[in-house]
Amino acid sequence: MEIQIIKDKISQAEIKELARQTFGDMVKVVVDVERSLMAAGGEMHADCEQVLLDNGSSQGNLWGANIYPDSTGDDFIEYKSLINIRPKIGNRSMNIEDESTRFKVKSVITSFIG
Protein backbone atom coordinates (compact mmCIF):
# COMPACT_ATOMS: atom_id res chain seq x y z
CA MET A 1 0.00 0.00 0.00
CA GLU A 2 1.37 3.34 -1.01
CA ILE A 3 1.76 5.99 1.66
CA GLN A 4 -0.31 9.08 0.99
CA ILE A 5 0.45 12.64 1.98
CA ILE A 6 -2.82 14.09 3.21
CA LYS A 7 -3.22 17.82 2.60
CA ASP A 8 -7.00 18.01 2.18
CA LYS A 9 -10.03 16.48 3.85
CA ILE A 10 -10.59 12.78 3.36
CA SER A 11 -13.76 10.88 4.09
CA GLN A 12 -14.32 8.34 6.83
CA ALA A 13 -14.72 5.75 4.05
CA GLU A 14 -11.27 6.61 2.64
CA ILE A 15 -9.58 6.28 6.03
CA LYS A 16 -11.36 2.96 6.58
CA GLU A 17 -10.05 1.78 3.21
CA LEU A 18 -6.50 2.74 4.23
CA ALA A 19 -6.99 0.71 7.40
CA ARG A 20 -8.36 -2.26 5.46
CA GLN A 21 -5.32 -2.26 3.17
CA THR A 22 -2.86 -2.53 6.06
CA PHE A 23 -3.90 -3.64 9.54
CA GLY A 24 -7.64 -3.95 9.08
CA ASP A 25 -8.69 -1.67 11.94
CA MET A 26 -5.87 0.87 12.20
CA VAL A 27 -3.91 3.35 10.07
CA LYS A 28 -0.42 4.54 10.95
CA VAL A 29 0.06 8.28 10.44
CA VAL A 30 2.84 10.79 10.92
CA VAL A 31 1.81 14.39 11.42
CA ASP A 32 3.89 17.46 10.58
CA VAL A 33 2.64 19.87 13.23
CA GLU A 34 4.37 22.85 11.60
CA ARG A 35 3.12 22.34 8.03
CA SER A 36 -0.28 20.93 9.10
CA LEU A 37 -0.16 17.84 6.93
CA MET A 38 0.22 14.14 7.49
CA ALA A 39 1.33 10.95 5.82
CA ALA A 40 -0.91 7.92 6.19
CA GLY A 41 -0.62 4.24 5.39
CA GLY A 42 2.18 1.75 5.24
CA GLU A 43 3.38 -0.72 7.80
CA MET A 44 5.71 1.49 9.86
CA HIS A 45 5.61 5.05 11.12
CA ALA A 46 9.21 5.38 9.93
CA ASP A 47 8.03 4.92 6.33
CA CYS A 48 5.50 7.75 6.68
CA GLU A 49 8.16 9.84 8.39
CA GLN A 50 10.56 9.33 5.47
CA VAL A 51 7.90 10.33 2.92
CA LEU A 52 7.39 13.61 4.79
CA LEU A 53 11.12 14.23 5.17
CA ASP A 54 11.53 13.71 1.43
CA ASN A 55 8.70 16.21 0.95
CA GLY A 56 10.46 18.98 2.93
CA SER A 57 9.35 18.37 6.52
CA SER A 58 11.75 18.79 9.43
CA GLN A 59 12.35 15.89 11.81
CA GLY A 60 11.50 17.90 14.92
CA ASN A 61 7.99 18.62 13.64
CA LEU A 62 7.02 14.99 12.97
CA TRP A 63 5.00 12.91 15.41
CA GLY A 64 3.58 9.42 14.98
CA ALA A 65 0.09 8.22 15.86
CA ASN A 66 -2.43 5.52 15.01
CA ILE A 67 -5.98 6.14 13.84
CA TYR A 68 -8.76 3.66 14.57
CA PRO A 69 -11.50 4.67 12.10
CA ASP A 70 -14.20 2.50 13.70
CA SER A 71 -13.64 4.09 17.13
CA THR A 72 -14.80 7.41 18.52
CA GLY A 73 -13.76 9.87 21.19
CA ASP A 74 -10.46 9.21 22.92
CA ASP A 75 -10.16 5.80 21.22
CA PHE A 76 -10.01 7.31 17.70
CA ILE A 77 -6.34 8.43 17.99
CA GLU A 78 -3.51 6.64 19.78
CA TYR A 79 -0.45 8.88 20.25
CA LYS A 80 2.08 6.06 20.20
CA SER A 81 5.02 5.40 17.88
CA LEU A 82 8.68 4.53 18.06
CA ILE A 83 9.50 7.77 16.24
CA ASN A 84 8.15 9.70 19.24
CA ILE A 85 11.01 8.62 21.50
CA ARG A 86 13.02 11.84 21.88
CA PRO A 87 14.94 11.99 25.17
CA LYS A 88 16.67 15.26 24.23
CA ILE A 89 13.34 17.11 24.39
CA GLY A 90 11.94 15.10 27.30
CA ASN A 91 9.76 12.61 25.39
CA ARG A 92 11.21 9.38 26.75
CA SER A 93 8.44 7.00 25.69
CA MET A 94 6.62 5.99 22.53
CA ASN A 95 3.64 8.09 23.65
CA ILE A 96 3.48 11.81 22.94
CA GLU A 97 3.84 13.02 26.52
CA ASP A 98 3.46 16.78 25.99
CA GLU A 99 -0.20 17.83 26.10
CA SER A 100 0.26 20.74 23.67
CA THR A 101 1.98 18.48 21.11
CA ARG A 102 -0.84 15.92 21.43
CA PHE A 103 -3.34 18.74 20.88
CA LYS A 104 -1.51 19.86 17.71
CA VAL A 105 -1.40 16.31 16.37
CA LYS A 106 -5.09 15.81 17.11
CA SER A 107 -5.97 19.15 15.49
CA VAL A 108 -4.21 18.22 12.24
CA ILE A 109 -5.74 14.74 12.13
CA THR A 110 -9.28 15.90 12.86
CA SER A 111 -9.01 18.75 10.34
CA PHE A 112 -8.51 16.15 7.57
CA ILE A 113 -10.83 13.34 8.54
CA GLY A 114 -14.42 14.33 7.84
C-alpha atoms as a PDB file:
ATOM      1  CA  MET A   1       0.000   0.000   0.000  1.00  0.00           C
ATOM      2  CA  GLU A   2       1.371   3.343  -1.011  1.00  0.00           C
ATOM      3  CA  ILE A   3       1.764   5.989   1.662  1.00  0.00           C
ATOM      4  CA  GLN A   4      -0.312   9.077   0.994  1.00  0.00           C
ATOM      5  CA  ILE A   5       0.447  12.643   1.977  1.00  0.00           C
ATOM      6  CA  ILE A   6      -2.819  14.089   3.212  1.00  0.00           C
ATOM      7  CA  LYS A   7      -3.221  17.825   2.598  1.00  0.00           C
ATOM      8  CA  ASP A   8      -7.000  18.007   2.183  1.00  0.00           C
ATOM      9  CA  LYS A   9     -10.031  16.482   3.849  1.00  0.00           C
ATOM     10  CA  ILE A  10     -10.591  12.776   3.357  1.00  0.00           C
ATOM     11  CA  SER A  11     -13.758  10.876   4.089  1.00  0.00           C
ATOM     12  CA  GLN A  12     -14.321   8.344   6.829  1.00  0.00           C
ATOM     13  CA  ALA A  13     -14.717   5.752   4.047  1.00  0.00           C
ATOM     14  CA  GLU A  14     -11.265   6.614   2.643  1.00  0.00           C
ATOM     15  CA  ILE A  15      -9.578   6.282   6.030  1.00  0.00           C
ATOM     16  CA  LYS A  16     -11.363   2.956   6.579  1.00  0.00           C
ATOM     17  CA  GLU A  17     -10.054   1.777   3.206  1.00  0.00           C
ATOM     18  CA  LEU A  18      -6.498   2.740   4.227  1.00  0.00           C
ATOM     19  CA  ALA A  19      -6.986   0.709   7.399  1.00  0.00           C
ATOM     20  CA  ARG A  20      -8.360  -2.260   5.463  1.00  0.00           C
ATOM     21  CA  GLN A  21      -5.317  -2.260   3.174  1.00  0.00           C
ATOM     22  CA  THR A  22      -2.858  -2.527   6.056  1.00  0.00           C
ATOM     23  CA  PHE A  23      -3.896  -3.636   9.539  1.00  0.00           C
ATOM     24  CA  GLY A  24      -7.644  -3.948   9.084  1.00  0.00           C
ATOM     25  CA  ASP A  25      -8.688  -1.673  11.937  1.00  0.00           C
ATOM     26  CA  MET A  26      -5.868   0.871  12.196  1.00  0.00           C
ATOM     27  CA  VAL A  27      -3.908   3.352  10.068  1.00  0.00           C
ATOM     28  CA  LYS A  28      -0.422   4.541  10.947  1.00  0.00           C
ATOM     29  CA  VAL A  29       0.061   8.277  10.442  1.00  0.00           C
ATOM     30  CA  VAL A  30       2.839  10.787  10.921  1.00  0.00           C
ATOM     31  CA  VAL A  31       1.809  14.392  11.418  1.00  0.00           C
ATOM     32  CA  ASP A  32       3.889  17.459  10.581  1.00  0.00           C
ATOM     33  CA  VAL A  33       2.638  19.873  13.234  1.00  0.00           C
ATOM     34  CA  GLU A  34       4.367  22.851  11.604  1.00  0.00           C
ATOM     35  CA  ARG A  35       3.124  22.337   8.033  1.00  0.00           C
ATOM     36  CA  SER A  36      -0.279  20.932   9.100  1.00  0.00           C
ATOM     37  CA  LEU A  37      -0.161  17.843   6.928  1.00  0.00           C
ATOM     38  CA  MET A  38       0.222  14.143   7.490  1.00  0.00           C
ATOM     39  CA  ALA A  39       1.333  10.948   5.817  1.00  0.00           C
ATOM     40  CA  ALA A  40      -0.907   7.923   6.192  1.00  0.00           C
ATOM     41  CA  GLY A  41      -0.622   4.245   5.387  1.00  0.00           C
ATOM     42  CA  GLY A  42       2.182   1.752   5.235  1.00  0.00           C
ATOM     43  CA  GLU A  43       3.380  -0.716   7.796  1.00  0.00           C
ATOM     44  CA  MET A  44       5.709   1.485   9.858  1.00  0.00           C
ATOM     45  CA  HIS A  45       5.614   5.048  11.115  1.00  0.00           C
ATOM     46  CA  ALA A  46       9.205   5.383   9.934  1.00  0.00           C
ATOM     47  CA  ASP A  47       8.034   4.920   6.328  1.00  0.00           C
ATOM     48  CA  CYS A  48       5.496   7.750   6.684  1.00  0.00           C
ATOM     49  CA  GLU A  49       8.157   9.839   8.394  1.00  0.00           C
ATOM     50  CA  GLN A  50      10.556   9.333   5.467  1.00  0.00           C
ATOM     51  CA  VAL A  51       7.903  10.326   2.924  1.00  0.00           C
ATOM     52  CA  LEU A  52       7.385  13.612   4.790  1.00  0.00           C
ATOM     53  CA  LEU A  53      11.123  14.227   5.172  1.00  0.00           C
ATOM     54  CA  ASP A  54      11.531  13.706   1.430  1.00  0.00           C
ATOM     55  CA  ASN A  55       8.702  16.212   0.945  1.00  0.00           C
ATOM     56  CA  GLY A  56      10.456  18.978   2.929  1.00  0.00           C
ATOM     57  CA  SER A  57       9.351  18.367   6.516  1.00  0.00           C
ATOM     58  CA  SER A  58      11.753  18.791   9.433  1.00  0.00           C
ATOM     59  CA  GLN A  59      12.349  15.886  11.811  1.00  0.00           C
ATOM     60  CA  GLY A  60      11.501  17.900  14.923  1.00  0.00           C
ATOM     61  CA  ASN A  61       7.989  18.625  13.644  1.00  0.00           C
ATOM     62  CA  LEU A  62       7.023  14.992  12.972  1.00  0.00           C
ATOM     63  CA  TRP A  63       5.002  12.908  15.410  1.00  0.00           C
ATOM     64  CA  GLY A  64       3.578   9.424  14.983  1.00  0.00           C
ATOM     65  CA  ALA A  65       0.092   8.221  15.863  1.00  0.00           C
ATOM     66  CA  ASN A  66      -2.429   5.520  15.009  1.00  0.00           C
ATOM     67  CA  ILE A  67      -5.980   6.144  13.840  1.00  0.00           C
ATOM     68  CA  TYR A  68      -8.755   3.655  14.567  1.00  0.00           C
ATOM     69  CA  PRO A  69     -11.497   4.665  12.103  1.00  0.00           C
ATOM     70  CA  ASP A  70     -14.199   2.499  13.705  1.00  0.00           C
ATOM     71  CA  SER A  71     -13.642   4.091  17.125  1.00  0.00           C
ATOM     72  CA  THR A  72     -14.804   7.406  18.523  1.00  0.00           C
ATOM     73  CA  GLY A  73     -13.763   9.870  21.192  1.00  0.00           C
ATOM     74  CA  ASP A  74     -10.455   9.209  22.917  1.00  0.00           C
ATOM     75  CA  ASP A  75     -10.161   5.803  21.221  1.00  0.00           C
ATOM     76  CA  PHE A  76     -10.009   7.308  17.704  1.00  0.00           C
ATOM     77  CA  ILE A  77      -6.340   8.428  17.986  1.00  0.00           C
ATOM     78  CA  GLU A  78      -3.514   6.638  19.779  1.00  0.00           C
ATOM     79  CA  TYR A  79      -0.455   8.884  20.246  1.00  0.00           C
ATOM     80  CA  LYS A  80       2.076   6.058  20.198  1.00  0.00           C
ATOM     81  CA  SER A  81       5.018   5.403  17.884  1.00  0.00           C
ATOM     82  CA  LEU A  82       8.685   4.527  18.058  1.00  0.00           C
ATOM     83  CA  ILE A  83       9.502   7.771  16.236  1.00  0.00           C
ATOM     84  CA  ASN A  84       8.147   9.701  19.240  1.00  0.00           C
ATOM     85  CA  ILE A  85      11.010   8.624  21.503  1.00  0.00           C
ATOM     86  CA  ARG A  86      13.024  11.844  21.882  1.00  0.00           C
ATOM     87  CA  PRO A  87      14.939  11.987  25.167  1.00  0.00           C
ATOM     88  CA  LYS A  88      16.672  15.261  24.234  1.00  0.00           C
ATOM     89  CA  ILE A  89      13.342  17.105  24.388  1.00  0.00           C
ATOM     90  CA  GLY A  90      11.941  15.105  27.295  1.00  0.00           C
ATOM     91  CA  ASN A  91       9.762  12.612  25.392  1.00  0.00           C
ATOM     92  CA  ARG A  92      11.206   9.379  26.751  1.00  0.00           C
ATOM     93  CA  SER A  93       8.439   7.001  25.691  1.00  0.00           C
ATOM     94  CA  MET A  94       6.624   5.994  22.527  1.00  0.00           C
ATOM     95  CA  ASN A  95       3.642   8.086  23.653  1.00  0.00           C
ATOM     96  CA  ILE A  96       3.478  11.808  22.940  1.00  0.00           C
ATOM     97  CA  GLU A  97       3.836  13.020  26.517  1.00  0.00           C
ATOM     98  CA  ASP A  98       3.463  16.777  25.985  1.00  0.00           C
ATOM     99  CA  GLU A  99      -0.202  17.833  26.102  1.00  0.00           C
ATOM    100  CA  SER A 100       0.258  20.742  23.669  1.00  0.00           C
ATOM    101  CA  THR A 101       1.976  18.482  21.114  1.00  0.00           C
ATOM    102  CA  ARG A 102      -0.841  15.916  21.429  1.00  0.00           C
ATOM    103  CA  PHE A 103      -3.340  18.740  20.880  1.00  0.00           C
ATOM    104  CA  LYS A 104      -1.505  19.865  17.712  1.00  0.00           C
ATOM    105  CA  VAL A 105      -1.398  16.306  16.368  1.00  0.00           C
ATOM    106  CA  LYS A 106      -5.094  15.809  17.111  1.00  0.00           C
ATOM    107  CA  SER A 107      -5.966  19.146  15.487  1.00  0.00           C
ATOM    108  CA  VAL A 108      -4.212  18.220  12.240  1.00  0.00           C
ATOM    109  CA  ILE A 109      -5.742  14.736  12.132  1.00  0.00           C
ATOM    110  CA  THR A 110      -9.281  15.900  12.857  1.00  0.00           C
ATOM    111  CA  SER A 111      -9.008  18.749  10.341  1.00  0.00           C
ATOM    112  CA  PHE A 112      -8.510  16.154   7.570  1.00  0.00           C
ATOM    113  CA  ILE A 113     -10.827  13.338   8.535  1.00  0.00           C
ATOM    114  CA  GLY A 114     -14.424  14.334   7.844  1.00  0.00           C
END
